[in-house]
Amino acid sequence: MTQAIMLQGTASDVGKSVLVAGLCRIFHQDGWRTAPFKSQNMALNSGITPDGKEMGRAQIFQAEAAGIEPDVRMNPVLLKPTSDRQAQVVLMGQVACNMDAASYHAYKPRLRAQIASVYQSLAQEYDVLVLEGAGSPAEINLRDRDIVNMGMAEIARCPVILVADIDRGGVFAAIYGTLALLQEHERWRVKGVIINKFRGDVALLHDGLQQIEALTGVPVLGVMPWLDIDLEEEDGVALQRVKHTRKRDIDIAVIHLPHIANFTDFNALSAQSDVRVRYVSQPDALDEADLIILPGSKNTLADLTWLRETALAQRVLARHRAGIPVMGICGGYQMLGESLHDEVESGLGRMPGLGLLRTTTRFAPVKTTTRVRAEMATDLPGWLAPLSGISLNGYEIHMGETLVDVRRSALYMQKNDERIAEGTFSADGSVFGTYLHGLFDNNAFTHAVVNSLRARKGLPAREEALDYAAYKAQQFDVLATAMRSYIDIEKVYRIMREHQEIKG
């Protein structure tokens, strides 16, 4: 019979996603068939399953930690904010509709039976399921229709571990307050607490740990230190904390759009030892860049308007005239063109693009979601030349169709034994755009990009390419080792076993 454990947080961004990935890795290392599960995720970072379904990136990297392919059942509901009030609702990997918060709250009870069915289908295939909550279970205004925190724990009939972030301050108040606001049948499920992101000497916490256990009756299972590991963050709030690393040989500026999506595209670039990746929102921050990247966006026209209002658009064009190459991915690719026509995503109608690529984009009501095998075009010009002919794996998530001059197709995709032109470049090769996400996860592509930028600066080429998949696996192992050191994993196993006996 499947065992399960759920991590819930005292607030958003306390580190639940990473700790779930760590537990998935530990159980996988211990020989258990393990899968992650999050009934409802709100994020602009998404990816594509092997069968073309869209799901949250957090559950994708948790599946990687568990050594399995992602399955849309691991994240049946994905909410992708399109504005402060509205979100695109993705159900079982496909777009259902757009809703405001009040409408979605009213709609949630209709999802409960579907979520329960999906969870049970996963439970029949795996030994252990590691569930993740969202926000806080103490959001008492949402309790009556909860499907992601205690409501989900009740569906799964599983125990809960509460995660609290000490780095933000007030950790004991957060633990005590969260538990105090839970109803008795909810509080009964909480079998332990993990204090996360601690900096300093844990001995200083000793008295506080004893007192919080005495006050709540819930044991502290461990205190996780702040770890210097490189794992995916769930959403753009993480970019607000990014501190620029010291200056390196190559400087890459990614425009931090208000509705930035899939910023995990650039994790592999950040992992390169000679590359500094900066997320910028000020025009003068582009002046040191060796490459400027416009990333994906969940509201392309609104973000294009923001580029102009902040003068970033003008500075991108000025830096391009000064010889700096520019790349656009997905929404960023659309912005680089001559015109965009949108009556679907934003309803803003027609808008001129930045004019760096000879393309026209029209938004369509049907979203393209697919994994892709592709190959870069041959005889690419300018700084793109070293990328010619490189094989790629990636994925597409977009609602626009972009018309290009096929004589300037940047790459060719293999779909159903058909070779399809995609993306484009400028005549001199200084501008490159594509819908393909995950480009930099391809070792040869990233190695060629970095070496081409090094050559432009008169720097010697790097001989060794970073194996990014091996690098990620090593990061998962570092996380698992740390969690075994600082958390009572045997107690976690015991909690799952004892609850299974009660449930059985």
Protein backbone atom coordinates (compact mmCIF):
# COMPACT_ATOMS: atom_id res chain seq x y z
CA MET A 1 0.00 0.00 0.00
CA THR A 2 1.29 3.46 -0.91
CA GLN A 3 2.76 5.60 1.85
CA ALA A 4 2.54 9.38 1.69
CA ILE A 5 3.88 12.48 3.39
CA MET A 6 2.91 16.11 2.79
CA LEU A 7 4.95 19.26 3.29
CA GLN A 8 2.99 22.41 4.02
CA GLY A 9 4.43 25.83 4.82
CA THR A 10 3.88 28.64 7.29
CA ALA A 11 3.92 30.91 4.22
CA SER A 12 4.77 30.94 0.52
CA ASP A 13 8.41 30.62 -0.49
CA VAL A 14 9.59 28.86 2.68
CA GLY A 15 11.40 26.18 0.65
CA LYS A 16 8.73 23.48 0.38
CA SER A 17 9.47 22.72 -3.29
CA VAL A 18 13.16 22.09 -2.66
CA LEU A 19 12.55 19.97 0.44
CA VAL A 20 9.96 17.90 -1.46
CA ALA A 21 12.59 17.33 -4.15
CA GLY A 22 15.05 16.29 -1.43
CA LEU A 23 12.62 13.76 0.05
CA CYS A 24 11.91 12.42 -3.45
CA ARG A 25 15.66 11.95 -3.91
CA ILE A 26 16.09 10.25 -0.54
CA PHE A 27 13.23 7.80 -1.08
CA HIS A 28 14.51 7.12 -4.62
CA GLN A 29 18.01 6.45 -3.24
CA ASP A 30 16.48 4.08 -0.70
CA GLY A 31 14.88 2.03 -3.46
CA TRP A 32 11.27 3.23 -3.31
CA ARG A 33 9.25 4.06 -6.41
CA THR A 34 8.52 7.69 -5.57
CA ALA A 35 6.54 10.52 -7.17
CA PRO A 36 5.76 14.14 -6.23
CA PHE A 37 2.25 15.57 -6.17
CA LYS A 38 0.87 19.09 -5.95
CA SER A 39 -2.85 19.35 -6.62
CA GLN A 40 -2.77 23.06 -7.52
CA ASN A 41 0.25 25.10 -8.48
CA MET A 42 0.35 28.83 -9.27
CA ALA A 43 3.43 29.61 -11.35
CA LEU A 44 4.61 31.00 -14.66
CA ASN A 45 7.35 28.38 -14.86
CA SER A 46 5.92 25.39 -16.67
CA GLY A 47 7.18 22.52 -18.78
CA ILE A 48 5.90 19.78 -21.04
CA THR A 49 5.47 16.08 -20.33
CA PRO A 50 6.47 13.42 -22.89
CA ASP A 51 2.84 13.27 -24.08
CA GLY A 52 2.60 17.04 -24.64
CA LYS A 53 0.82 18.12 -21.43
CA GLU A 54 1.71 21.32 -19.54
CA MET A 55 2.56 21.20 -15.83
CA GLY A 56 4.49 23.22 -13.24
CA ARG A 57 8.28 23.19 -13.41
CA ALA A 58 8.50 22.51 -9.67
CA GLN A 59 6.87 19.10 -10.06
CA ILE A 60 9.01 18.42 -13.13
CA PHE A 61 12.26 18.93 -11.23
CA GLN A 62 10.85 16.96 -8.26
CA ALA A 63 10.15 14.09 -10.68
CA GLU A 64 13.74 14.38 -11.91
CA ALA A 65 14.89 14.08 -8.29
CA ALA A 66 12.80 10.90 -8.01
CA GLY A 67 14.40 9.49 -11.17
CA ILE A 68 11.17 9.42 -13.19
CA GLU A 69 9.59 11.21 -16.14
CA PRO A 70 7.10 13.96 -15.27
CA ASP A 71 3.42 13.02 -15.51
CA VAL A 72 0.67 15.65 -15.60
CA ARG A 73 -1.13 13.76 -12.82
CA MET A 74 1.59 15.08 -10.50
CA ASN A 75 0.18 18.61 -10.99
CA PRO A 76 -3.44 18.36 -12.20
CA VAL A 77 -4.23 22.09 -11.75
CA LEU A 78 -1.84 24.84 -12.89
CA LEU A 79 -2.74 28.52 -12.53
CA LYS A 80 -0.73 30.92 -14.71
CA PRO A 81 -1.34 34.57 -13.73
CA THR A 82 -1.94 36.86 -16.70
CA SER A 83 -2.52 39.98 -14.56
CA ASP A 84 -2.98 40.94 -10.92
CA ARG A 85 -6.57 39.66 -11.02
CA GLN A 86 -6.74 36.94 -13.66
CA ALA A 87 -5.06 33.62 -14.34
CA GLN A 88 -5.13 31.04 -17.09
CA VAL A 89 -6.45 27.77 -15.68
CA VAL A 90 -4.67 24.66 -16.99
CA LEU A 91 -6.45 21.40 -16.10
CA MET A 92 -4.67 18.09 -16.62
CA GLY A 93 -2.18 19.78 -18.91
CA GLN A 94 -4.59 21.66 -21.17
CA VAL A 95 -5.96 25.21 -21.09
CA ALA A 96 -9.50 25.28 -19.67
CA CYS A 97 -10.26 29.00 -19.36
CA ASN A 98 -9.24 32.30 -17.78
CA MET A 99 -10.71 33.17 -14.38
CA ASP A 100 -10.46 35.86 -11.73
CA ALA A 101 -9.75 34.84 -8.14
CA ALA A 102 -13.37 34.96 -6.96
CA SER A 103 -14.62 32.85 -9.88
CA TYR A 104 -11.90 30.27 -9.36
CA HIS A 105 -12.62 30.07 -5.61
CA ALA A 106 -16.25 29.32 -6.45
CA TYR A 107 -15.14 26.74 -9.03
CA LYS A 108 -12.77 24.77 -6.77
CA PRO A 109 -15.33 22.35 -5.27
CA ARG A 110 -15.95 20.99 -8.77
CA LEU A 111 -12.27 20.03 -8.97
CA ARG A 112 -12.16 18.04 -5.75
CA ALA A 113 -13.43 14.72 -7.16
CA GLN A 114 -11.11 14.95 -10.19
CA ILE A 115 -8.09 15.68 -7.99
CA ALA A 116 -8.96 12.74 -5.72
CA SER A 117 -9.24 10.41 -8.73
CA VAL A 118 -5.91 11.58 -10.15
CA TYR A 119 -4.19 11.15 -6.80
CA GLN A 120 -5.54 7.64 -6.38
CA SER A 121 -4.36 6.66 -9.85
CA LEU A 122 -0.82 7.74 -8.94
CA ALA A 123 -1.04 5.95 -5.60
CA GLN A 124 -1.68 2.69 -7.44
CA GLU A 125 1.64 3.01 -9.30
CA TYR A 126 4.11 4.26 -6.65
CA ASP A 127 5.37 3.14 -3.24
CA VAL A 128 5.70 6.67 -1.85
CA LEU A 129 4.02 9.96 -2.76
CA VAL A 130 5.48 13.24 -1.52
CA LEU A 131 2.84 15.96 -1.54
CA GLU A 132 3.40 19.71 -1.51
CA GLY A 133 0.99 22.33 -0.26
CA ALA A 134 0.73 25.94 -1.40
CA GLY A 135 0.96 29.14 0.60
CA SER A 136 -0.19 28.39 4.14
CA PRO A 137 -2.82 26.03 5.61
CA ALA A 138 -3.77 28.85 8.00
CA GLU A 139 -5.45 30.92 5.27
CA ILE A 140 -8.75 30.66 7.12
CA ASN A 141 -10.64 32.67 4.51
CA LEU A 142 -9.98 29.86 1.99
CA ARG A 143 -10.46 26.87 4.30
CA ASP A 144 -13.99 25.92 3.22
CA ARG A 145 -12.90 25.20 -0.36
CA ASP A 146 -9.29 24.19 0.13
CA ILE A 147 -7.96 21.62 -2.35
CA VAL A 148 -4.22 22.12 -1.92
CA ASN A 149 -3.33 22.19 1.80
CA MET A 150 -5.34 20.45 4.55
CA GLY A 151 -8.13 19.78 2.09
CA MET A 152 -5.68 17.77 0.02
CA ALA A 153 -4.20 16.06 3.09
CA GLU A 154 -7.72 14.89 3.93
CA ILE A 155 -8.22 13.55 0.40
CA ALA A 156 -4.91 11.67 0.62
CA ARG A 157 -5.42 10.80 4.30
CA CYS A 158 -1.76 11.56 4.89
CA PRO A 159 0.34 13.12 7.67
CA VAL A 160 1.76 16.63 7.34
CA ILE A 161 5.14 18.18 8.13
CA LEU A 162 5.10 21.95 8.55
CA VAL A 163 8.00 23.91 7.01
CA ALA A 164 8.96 27.31 8.46
CA ASP A 165 11.51 29.77 7.06
CA ILE A 166 13.74 31.21 9.80
CA ASP A 167 15.57 33.51 7.38
CA ARG A 168 12.56 35.83 7.08
CA GLY A 169 12.30 36.22 10.88
CA GLY A 170 9.55 35.39 13.37
CA VAL A 171 9.87 31.64 12.86
CA PHE A 172 8.46 30.59 16.25
CA ALA A 173 5.50 32.94 15.92
CA ALA A 174 4.86 31.57 12.42
CA ILE A 175 4.89 27.97 13.68
CA TYR A 176 2.74 28.69 16.72
CA GLY A 177 0.30 30.90 14.83
CA THR A 178 -0.14 28.47 11.98
CA LEU A 179 -0.88 25.56 14.31
CA ALA A 180 -3.19 27.69 16.47
CA LEU A 181 -5.33 28.63 13.46
CA LEU A 182 -5.82 25.05 12.33
CA GLN A 183 -8.98 23.18 13.29
CA GLU A 184 -8.48 20.23 15.62
CA HIS A 185 -8.85 17.56 12.92
CA GLU A 186 -6.33 19.46 10.78
CA ARG A 187 -3.86 20.02 13.61
CA TRP A 188 -3.92 16.28 14.36
CA ARG A 189 -2.34 15.64 10.97
CA VAL A 190 0.75 17.77 11.67
CA LYS A 191 3.36 15.30 12.94
CA GLY A 192 6.47 17.43 12.77
CA VAL A 193 8.11 20.74 11.94
CA ILE A 194 11.18 21.52 9.82
CA ILE A 195 12.86 24.88 10.32
CA ASN A 196 14.46 25.88 7.04
CA LYS A 197 17.16 28.30 5.78
CA PHE A 198 19.04 28.76 9.08
CA ARG A 199 22.30 30.72 9.13
CA GLY A 200 24.54 30.45 12.18
CA ASP A 201 25.07 28.21 15.20
CA VAL A 202 22.10 25.91 15.75
CA ALA A 203 22.95 25.73 19.46
CA LEU A 204 21.47 29.21 19.77
CA LEU A 205 18.08 27.76 18.83
CA HIS A 206 18.08 25.03 21.48
CA ASP A 207 15.90 26.81 24.07
CA GLY A 208 13.50 28.03 21.40
CA LEU A 209 13.10 24.52 19.96
CA GLN A 210 12.27 23.11 23.38
CA GLN A 211 9.73 25.84 24.07
CA ILE A 212 7.94 25.58 20.71
CA GLU A 213 7.67 21.81 21.12
CA ALA A 214 6.25 22.26 24.63
CA LEU A 215 3.79 24.93 23.45
CA THR A 216 2.51 23.02 20.42
CA GLY A 217 3.14 19.36 21.22
CA VAL A 218 4.63 18.97 17.74
CA PRO A 219 8.27 17.80 17.48
CA VAL A 220 10.88 19.69 15.47
CA LEU A 221 12.33 17.10 13.08
CA GLY A 222 15.32 19.19 12.12
CA VAL A 223 16.85 22.56 11.32
CA MET A 224 18.04 22.85 7.73
CA PRO A 225 20.90 25.28 7.15
CA TRP A 226 20.97 27.73 4.27
CA LEU A 227 22.38 25.56 1.49
CA ASP A 228 24.54 26.75 -1.37
CA ILE A 229 22.91 24.50 -3.96
CA ASP A 230 21.72 25.26 -7.47
CA LEU A 231 18.15 24.01 -7.92
CA GLU A 232 15.17 25.44 -9.74
CA GLU A 233 13.05 28.05 -8.01
CA GLU A 234 9.30 27.78 -8.42
CA ASP A 235 8.42 31.29 -9.55
CA GLY A 236 9.66 34.79 -10.28
CA VAL A 237 9.65 35.89 -6.62
CA ALA A 238 13.01 34.13 -6.44
CA LEU A 239 14.50 36.61 -8.91
CA GLN A 240 13.89 39.43 -6.44
CA ARG A 241 16.47 37.79 -4.17
CA VAL A 242 19.11 37.09 -6.81
CA LYS A 243 22.37 38.71 -5.89
CA HIS A 244 24.70 39.36 -8.77
CA THR A 245 27.73 37.15 -8.61
CA ARG A 246 31.15 38.61 -9.05
CA LYS A 247 32.05 39.71 -12.52
CA ARG A 248 32.99 36.85 -14.85
CA ASP A 249 34.35 36.53 -18.37
CA ILE A 250 30.91 36.61 -19.97
CA ASP A 251 28.04 38.81 -18.82
CA ILE A 252 24.48 37.94 -19.94
CA ALA A 253 21.55 40.24 -19.16
CA VAL A 254 18.06 38.71 -19.08
CA ILE A 255 15.29 41.33 -19.11
CA HIS A 256 13.21 40.84 -15.95
CA LEU A 257 9.77 41.29 -17.50
CA PRO A 258 6.81 41.88 -15.14
CA HIS A 259 5.19 38.67 -16.43
CA ILE A 260 8.42 36.72 -16.98
CA ALA A 261 7.78 33.04 -17.67
CA ASN A 262 10.08 30.04 -17.75
CA PHE A 263 13.11 31.84 -16.36
CA THR A 264 14.43 28.35 -15.61
CA ASP A 265 15.50 28.43 -19.27
CA PHE A 266 18.66 30.17 -18.02
CA ASN A 267 19.63 27.94 -15.10
CA ALA A 268 22.11 26.04 -17.24
CA LEU A 269 23.71 29.32 -18.31
CA SER A 270 24.04 30.39 -14.67
CA ALA A 271 25.76 27.10 -13.90
CA GLN A 272 28.64 27.90 -16.29
CA SER A 273 31.76 28.83 -14.34
CA ASP A 274 32.69 31.73 -16.64
CA VAL A 275 29.19 33.21 -17.08
CA ARG A 276 27.34 35.78 -14.98
CA VAL A 277 23.58 35.88 -15.62
CA ARG A 278 21.81 39.03 -14.40
CA TYR A 279 18.05 39.68 -14.36
CA VAL A 280 17.74 43.38 -15.10
CA SER A 281 14.94 45.93 -15.05
CA GLN A 282 16.89 49.17 -15.51
CA PRO A 283 18.20 50.44 -18.89
CA ASP A 284 21.75 51.16 -17.72
CA ALA A 285 22.07 47.56 -16.47
CA LEU A 286 22.38 46.51 -20.13
CA ASP A 287 25.56 48.46 -20.73
CA GLU A 288 27.98 45.72 -19.56
CA ALA A 289 26.14 42.84 -21.23
CA ASP A 290 27.83 40.65 -23.84
CA LEU A 291 24.41 39.18 -24.74
CA ILE A 292 20.90 40.50 -24.11
CA ILE A 293 18.04 37.99 -23.79
CA LEU A 294 14.32 38.74 -23.88
CA PRO A 295 12.70 35.78 -22.09
CA GLY A 296 9.23 34.27 -22.21
CA SER A 297 6.18 36.21 -21.00
CA LYS A 298 2.64 35.32 -19.96
CA ASN A 299 1.41 38.72 -21.20
CA THR A 300 3.58 39.62 -24.17
CA LEU A 301 1.95 42.90 -25.23
CA ALA A 302 1.72 44.23 -21.69
CA ASP A 303 5.40 43.45 -21.17
CA LEU A 304 6.30 45.03 -24.52
CA THR A 305 4.48 48.18 -23.39
CA TRP A 306 6.47 48.06 -20.13
CA LEU A 307 9.72 47.78 -22.10
CA ARG A 308 8.90 51.03 -23.87
CA GLU A 309 7.66 52.82 -20.75
CA THR A 310 10.85 52.00 -18.84
CA ALA A 311 13.10 52.94 -21.79
CA LEU A 312 14.47 49.39 -21.82
CA ALA A 313 13.26 48.97 -25.39
CA GLN A 314 15.23 52.01 -26.52
CA ARG A 315 18.35 50.79 -24.68
CA VAL A 316 18.08 47.28 -26.20
CA LEU A 317 17.99 48.88 -29.66
CA ALA A 318 20.93 51.16 -28.80
CA ARG A 319 23.03 48.27 -27.51
CA HIS A 320 22.17 46.29 -30.63
CA ARG A 321 23.36 49.19 -32.81
CA ALA A 322 26.58 49.12 -30.75
CA GLY A 323 27.11 45.51 -31.83
CA ILE A 324 25.72 43.55 -28.85
CA PRO A 325 23.83 40.39 -29.91
CA VAL A 326 20.20 39.97 -28.86
CA MET A 327 18.23 36.76 -28.35
CA GLY A 328 14.50 36.26 -27.80
CA ILE A 329 12.75 33.14 -26.53
CA CYS A 330 8.99 32.60 -26.92
CA GLY A 331 7.35 35.89 -25.86
CA GLY A 332 10.72 37.62 -26.19
CA TYR A 333 10.99 36.27 -29.73
CA GLN A 334 7.57 37.73 -30.54
CA MET A 335 8.60 41.14 -29.17
CA LEU A 336 11.65 41.27 -31.46
CA GLY A 337 9.46 41.19 -34.58
CA GLU A 338 7.80 43.91 -36.63
CA SER A 339 4.24 43.54 -35.35
CA LEU A 340 2.09 41.54 -32.93
CA HIS A 341 -1.68 41.02 -33.17
CA ASP A 342 -3.36 39.90 -29.94
CA GLU A 343 -7.09 39.59 -29.36
CA VAL A 344 -6.59 36.48 -27.20
CA GLU A 345 -4.01 36.79 -24.41
CA SER A 346 -4.20 40.49 -23.53
CA GLY A 347 -6.89 41.80 -25.89
CA LEU A 348 -4.70 44.81 -26.68
CA GLY A 349 -4.99 44.36 -30.45
CA ARG A 350 -2.13 45.28 -32.79
CA MET A 351 1.19 46.60 -31.53
CA PRO A 352 4.50 47.24 -33.29
CA GLY A 353 7.41 45.11 -32.09
CA LEU A 354 11.03 46.16 -31.65
CA GLY A 355 11.66 45.58 -35.37
CA LEU A 356 14.89 43.60 -34.99
CA LEU A 357 13.45 40.59 -36.79
CA ARG A 358 11.29 40.49 -39.91
CA THR A 359 8.39 38.61 -38.34
CA THR A 360 4.67 39.03 -37.68
CA THR A 361 2.93 37.27 -34.79
CA ARG A 362 -0.77 36.54 -34.46
CA PHE A 363 -2.10 35.09 -31.23
CA ALA A 364 -4.37 32.06 -31.45
CA PRO A 365 -6.86 30.63 -28.92
CA VAL A 366 -5.22 27.18 -29.04
CA LYS A 367 -1.99 26.75 -27.10
CA THR A 368 0.93 24.81 -28.61
CA THR A 369 2.42 22.44 -26.03
CA THR A 370 4.92 19.89 -27.25
CA ARG A 371 8.35 18.45 -26.72
CA VAL A 372 10.68 18.97 -29.66
CA ARG A 373 13.75 17.43 -31.26
CA ALA A 374 15.46 19.92 -33.54
CA GLU A 375 18.64 20.89 -35.32
CA MET A 376 20.10 24.33 -35.80
CA ALA A 377 20.29 25.52 -39.41
CA THR A 378 23.58 25.22 -41.23
CA ASP A 379 25.72 28.16 -42.35
CA LEU A 380 24.38 30.57 -39.70
CA PRO A 381 25.95 34.03 -39.96
CA GLY A 382 27.87 36.16 -37.49
CA TRP A 383 28.23 35.11 -33.87
CA LEU A 384 25.66 32.34 -34.49
CA ALA A 385 28.01 30.50 -36.88
CA PRO A 386 29.41 28.11 -34.21
CA LEU A 387 25.82 26.98 -33.45
CA SER A 388 25.28 25.70 -37.01
CA GLY A 389 24.00 22.12 -37.20
CA ILE A 390 23.82 21.51 -33.44
CA SER A 391 21.15 18.99 -32.36
CA LEU A 392 18.64 20.14 -29.73
CA ASN A 393 15.96 18.89 -27.39
CA GLY A 394 13.43 21.38 -26.02
CA TYR A 395 9.75 22.19 -25.69
CA GLU A 396 7.19 24.72 -26.90
CA ILE A 397 4.51 26.52 -24.85
CA HIS A 398 2.88 29.41 -26.72
CA MET A 399 -0.40 30.77 -28.08
CA GLY A 400 1.05 32.73 -31.00
CA GLU A 401 1.93 31.83 -34.57
CA THR A 402 4.87 33.74 -36.04
CA LEU A 403 5.32 34.21 -39.78
CA VAL A 404 8.94 34.29 -40.93
CA ASP A 405 10.98 34.24 -44.11
CA VAL A 406 11.77 30.52 -44.42
CA ARG A 407 15.12 31.42 -45.97
CA ARG A 408 16.10 32.63 -42.50
CA SER A 409 14.83 29.72 -40.44
CA ALA A 410 17.05 29.34 -37.39
CA LEU A 411 16.36 25.68 -36.77
CA TYR A 412 14.40 22.69 -38.01
CA MET A 413 12.14 20.60 -35.80
CA GLN A 414 11.23 16.94 -36.23
CA LYS A 415 7.50 16.39 -35.76
CA ASN A 416 5.84 13.18 -36.86
CA ASP A 417 8.62 12.45 -39.36
CA GLU A 418 8.21 15.96 -40.76
CA ARG A 419 10.96 18.61 -40.84
CA ILE A 420 9.47 21.98 -39.83
CA ALA A 421 11.22 25.34 -39.99
CA GLU A 422 11.15 27.38 -36.76
CA GLY A 423 12.64 30.59 -35.39
CA THR A 424 14.63 33.13 -37.35
CA PHE A 425 17.70 35.38 -37.32
CA SER A 426 18.68 38.75 -38.72
CA ALA A 427 20.72 39.04 -41.91
CA ASP A 428 23.97 39.59 -40.01
CA GLY A 429 23.16 36.99 -37.35
CA SER A 430 23.18 39.56 -34.53
CA VAL A 431 19.56 38.78 -33.55
CA PHE A 432 18.11 35.31 -32.99
CA GLY A 433 14.58 34.32 -31.95
CA THR A 434 12.87 31.00 -31.29
CA TYR A 435 9.86 29.48 -29.52
CA LEU A 436 12.02 26.67 -28.18
CA HIS A 437 12.40 26.53 -24.39
CA GLY A 438 15.18 24.50 -22.81
CA LEU A 439 17.80 25.52 -25.36
CA PHE A 440 20.54 25.96 -22.79
CA ASP A 441 19.91 22.53 -21.25
CA ASN A 442 21.64 21.22 -24.39
CA ASN A 443 25.33 21.03 -23.50
CA ALA A 444 26.69 21.52 -27.02
CA PHE A 445 24.44 24.54 -27.67
CA THR A 446 25.41 26.33 -24.47
CA HIS A 447 29.09 25.50 -24.95
CA ALA A 448 28.97 26.97 -28.48
CA VAL A 449 27.13 30.11 -27.31
CA VAL A 450 29.62 30.79 -24.54
CA ASN A 451 32.66 30.13 -26.73
CA SER A 452 31.27 32.38 -29.48
CA LEU A 453 30.82 35.18 -26.93
CA ARG A 454 34.33 34.53 -25.62
CA ALA A 455 35.73 34.79 -29.15
CA ARG A 456 34.00 38.15 -29.63
CA LYS A 457 35.95 39.41 -26.60
CA GLY A 458 39.25 37.89 -27.70
CA LEU A 459 39.16 35.27 -24.94
CA PRO A 460 40.40 31.69 -25.48
CA ALA A 461 37.77 29.00 -26.03
CA ARG A 462 36.78 26.67 -23.20
CA GLU A 463 37.63 23.07 -24.04
CA GLU A 464 35.26 21.28 -21.69
CA ALA A 465 31.46 21.54 -21.89
CA LEU A 466 29.47 21.31 -18.67
CA ASP A 467 27.27 18.18 -18.51
CA TYR A 468 24.19 19.94 -17.15
CA ALA A 469 22.15 16.78 -16.51
CA ALA A 470 25.00 15.34 -14.41
CA TYR A 471 25.37 18.70 -12.65
CA LYS A 472 21.67 18.70 -11.69
CA ALA A 473 21.88 15.09 -10.47
CA GLN A 474 24.85 16.05 -8.30
CA GLN A 475 22.88 18.97 -6.83
CA PHE A 476 20.00 16.63 -5.94
CA ASP A 477 22.47 14.32 -4.19
CA VAL A 478 23.99 17.24 -2.24
CA LEU A 479 20.49 18.21 -1.10
CA ALA A 480 19.62 14.65 -0.06
CA THR A 481 22.87 14.27 1.88
CA ALA A 482 22.24 17.54 3.73
CA MET A 483 18.67 16.56 4.59
CA ARG A 484 19.85 13.20 5.95
CA SER A 485 22.35 15.11 8.13
CA TYR A 486 20.02 17.75 9.53
CA ILE A 487 16.55 16.13 9.50
CA ASP A 488 15.49 12.97 11.33
CA ILE A 489 14.64 10.99 8.19
CA GLU A 490 14.03 7.83 10.23
CA LYS A 491 11.34 9.75 12.10
CA VAL A 492 9.83 10.78 8.75
CA TYR A 493 9.68 7.10 7.75
CA ARG A 494 8.11 6.27 11.12
CA ILE A 495 5.48 9.00 10.73
CA MET A 496 4.49 7.57 7.34
CA ARG A 497 4.37 3.98 8.65
CA GLU A 498 2.37 4.82 11.76
CA HIS A 499 -0.14 6.87 9.81
CA GLN A 500 -0.44 4.08 7.25
CA GLU A 501 -1.32 1.66 10.06
CA ILE A 502 -3.98 4.05 11.38
CA LYS A 503 -5.38 4.60 7.88
CA GLY A 504 -5.35 0.88 7.15
